[in-house]
Amino acid sequence: MNIRKMNDEQLERIKGGGVTVWTGIAITAIVIFLSGVIEGITNPKRCNG
Protein backbone atom coordinates (compact mmCIF):
# COMPACT_ATOMS: atom_id res chain seq x y z
CA MET A 1 0.00 0.00 0.00
CA ASN A 2 1.28 3.42 -0.96
CA ILE A 3 0.46 6.24 1.48
CA ARG A 4 1.46 9.82 0.79
CA LYS A 5 0.83 13.11 2.52
CA MET A 6 -1.35 15.58 0.60
CA ASN A 7 -1.34 19.34 0.92
CA ASP A 8 -4.45 21.48 1.36
CA GLU A 9 -4.78 22.30 -2.35
CA GLN A 10 -4.78 18.62 -3.30
CA LEU A 11 -7.34 17.83 -0.60
CA GLU A 12 -9.70 20.57 -1.85
CA ARG A 13 -9.63 19.14 -5.39
CA ILE A 14 -10.91 15.74 -4.28
CA LYS A 15 -14.44 15.16 -5.51
CA GLY A 16 -16.53 12.67 -3.60
CA GLY A 17 -19.81 10.96 -4.34
CA GLY A 18 -21.91 13.53 -2.56
CA VAL A 19 -25.60 14.05 -3.20
CA THR A 20 -26.28 17.07 -5.41
CA VAL A 21 -29.34 19.29 -5.16
CA TRP A 22 -30.87 17.67 -8.26
CA THR A 23 -30.40 14.21 -6.80
CA GLY A 24 -32.16 15.32 -3.63
CA ILE A 25 -35.03 16.81 -5.63
CA ALA A 26 -35.39 13.63 -7.69
CA ILE A 27 -35.41 11.40 -4.60
CA THR A 28 -38.00 13.67 -2.93
CA ALA A 29 -40.22 13.59 -6.03
CA ILE A 30 -40.06 9.79 -6.19
CA VAL A 31 -40.94 9.46 -2.49
CA ILE A 32 -43.91 11.85 -2.85
CA PHE A 33 -45.16 10.01 -5.93
CA LEU A 34 -44.87 6.59 -4.29
CA SER A 35 -46.63 7.82 -1.14
CA GLY A 36 -49.50 9.06 -3.34
CA VAL A 37 -49.72 5.69 -5.10
CA ILE A 38 -49.74 3.83 -1.78
CA GLU A 39 -52.39 6.17 -0.35
CA GLY A 40 -54.52 5.70 -3.47
CA ILE A 41 -54.36 1.93 -3.09
CA THR A 42 -55.03 1.85 0.64
CA ASN A 43 -57.63 4.67 0.75
CA PRO A 44 -59.45 4.86 -2.61
CA LYS A 45 -61.90 7.73 -3.14
CA ARG A 46 -64.15 8.48 -6.05
CA CYS A 47 -63.48 11.46 -8.27
CA ASN A 48 -65.93 14.37 -7.92
CA GLY A 49 -66.49 14.63 -11.62
C-alpha atoms as a PDB file:
ATOM      1  CA  MET A   1       0.000   0.000   0.000  1.00  0.00           C
ATOM      2  CA  ASN A   2       1.277   3.425  -0.964  1.00  0.00           C
ATOM      3  CA  ILE A   3       0.462   6.237   1.479  1.00  0.00           C
ATOM      4  CA  ARG A   4       1.462   9.819   0.788  1.00  0.00           C
ATOM      5  CA  LYS A   5       0.830  13.114   2.515  1.00  0.00           C
ATOM      6  CA  MET A   6      -1.348  15.577   0.599  1.00  0.00           C
ATOM      7  CA  ASN A   7      -1.340  19.342   0.915  1.00  0.00           C
ATOM      8  CA  ASP A   8      -4.452  21.484   1.365  1.00  0.00           C
ATOM      9  CA  GLU A   9      -4.781  22.296  -2.347  1.00  0.00           C
ATOM     10  CA  GLN A  10      -4.779  18.622  -3.298  1.00  0.00           C
ATOM     11  CA  LEU A  11      -7.340  17.834  -0.595  1.00  0.00           C
ATOM     12  CA  GLU A  12      -9.700  20.566  -1.848  1.00  0.00           C
ATOM     13  CA  ARG A  13      -9.625  19.145  -5.394  1.00  0.00           C
ATOM     14  CA  ILE A  14     -10.906  15.741  -4.279  1.00  0.00           C
ATOM     15  CA  LYS A  15     -14.445  15.164  -5.513  1.00  0.00           C
ATOM     16  CA  GLY A  16     -16.527  12.668  -3.602  1.00  0.00           C
ATOM     17  CA  GLY A  17     -19.805  10.957  -4.343  1.00  0.00           C
ATOM     18  CA  GLY A  18     -21.909  13.532  -2.562  1.00  0.00           C
ATOM     19  CA  VAL A  19     -25.601  14.054  -3.201  1.00  0.00           C
ATOM     20  CA  THR A  20     -26.282  17.065  -5.405  1.00  0.00           C
ATOM     21  CA  VAL A  21     -29.340  19.292  -5.163  1.00  0.00           C
ATOM     22  CA  TRP A  22     -30.866  17.668  -8.257  1.00  0.00           C
ATOM     23  CA  THR A  23     -30.395  14.208  -6.795  1.00  0.00           C
ATOM     24  CA  GLY A  24     -32.160  15.321  -3.625  1.00  0.00           C
ATOM     25  CA  ILE A  25     -35.035  16.812  -5.634  1.00  0.00           C
ATOM     26  CA  ALA A  26     -35.390  13.630  -7.688  1.00  0.00           C
ATOM     27  CA  ILE A  27     -35.410  11.398  -4.600  1.00  0.00           C
ATOM     28  CA  THR A  28     -37.999  13.668  -2.929  1.00  0.00           C
ATOM     29  CA  ALA A  29     -40.222  13.593  -6.026  1.00  0.00           C
ATOM     30  CA  ILE A  30     -40.063   9.790  -6.191  1.00  0.00           C
ATOM     31  CA  VAL A  31     -40.941   9.463  -2.491  1.00  0.00           C
ATOM     32  CA  ILE A  32     -43.906  11.848  -2.850  1.00  0.00           C
ATOM     33  CA  PHE A  33     -45.165  10.006  -5.935  1.00  0.00           C
ATOM     34  CA  LEU A  34     -44.873   6.593  -4.289  1.00  0.00           C
ATOM     35  CA  SER A  35     -46.627   7.824  -1.143  1.00  0.00           C
ATOM     36  CA  GLY A  36     -49.501   9.057  -3.338  1.00  0.00           C
ATOM     37  CA  VAL A  37     -49.720   5.694  -5.097  1.00  0.00           C
ATOM     38  CA  ILE A  38     -49.742   3.825  -1.776  1.00  0.00           C
ATOM     39  CA  GLU A  39     -52.388   6.172  -0.348  1.00  0.00           C
ATOM     40  CA  GLY A  40     -54.515   5.702  -3.467  1.00  0.00           C
ATOM     41  CA  ILE A  41     -54.355   1.926  -3.092  1.00  0.00           C
ATOM     42  CA  THR A  42     -55.030   1.853   0.645  1.00  0.00           C
ATOM     43  CA  ASN A  43     -57.633   4.674   0.755  1.00  0.00           C
ATOM     44  CA  PRO A  44     -59.447   4.863  -2.606  1.00  0.00           C
ATOM     45  CA  LYS A  45     -61.897   7.734  -3.137  1.00  0.00           C
ATOM     46  CA  ARG A  46     -64.153   8.482  -6.055  1.00  0.00           C
ATOM     47  CA  CYS A  47     -63.485  11.458  -8.273  1.00  0.00           C
ATOM     48  CA  ASN A  48     -65.926  14.373  -7.918  1.00  0.00           C
ATOM     49  CA  GLY A  49     -66.486  14.625 -11.620  1.00  0.00           C
END
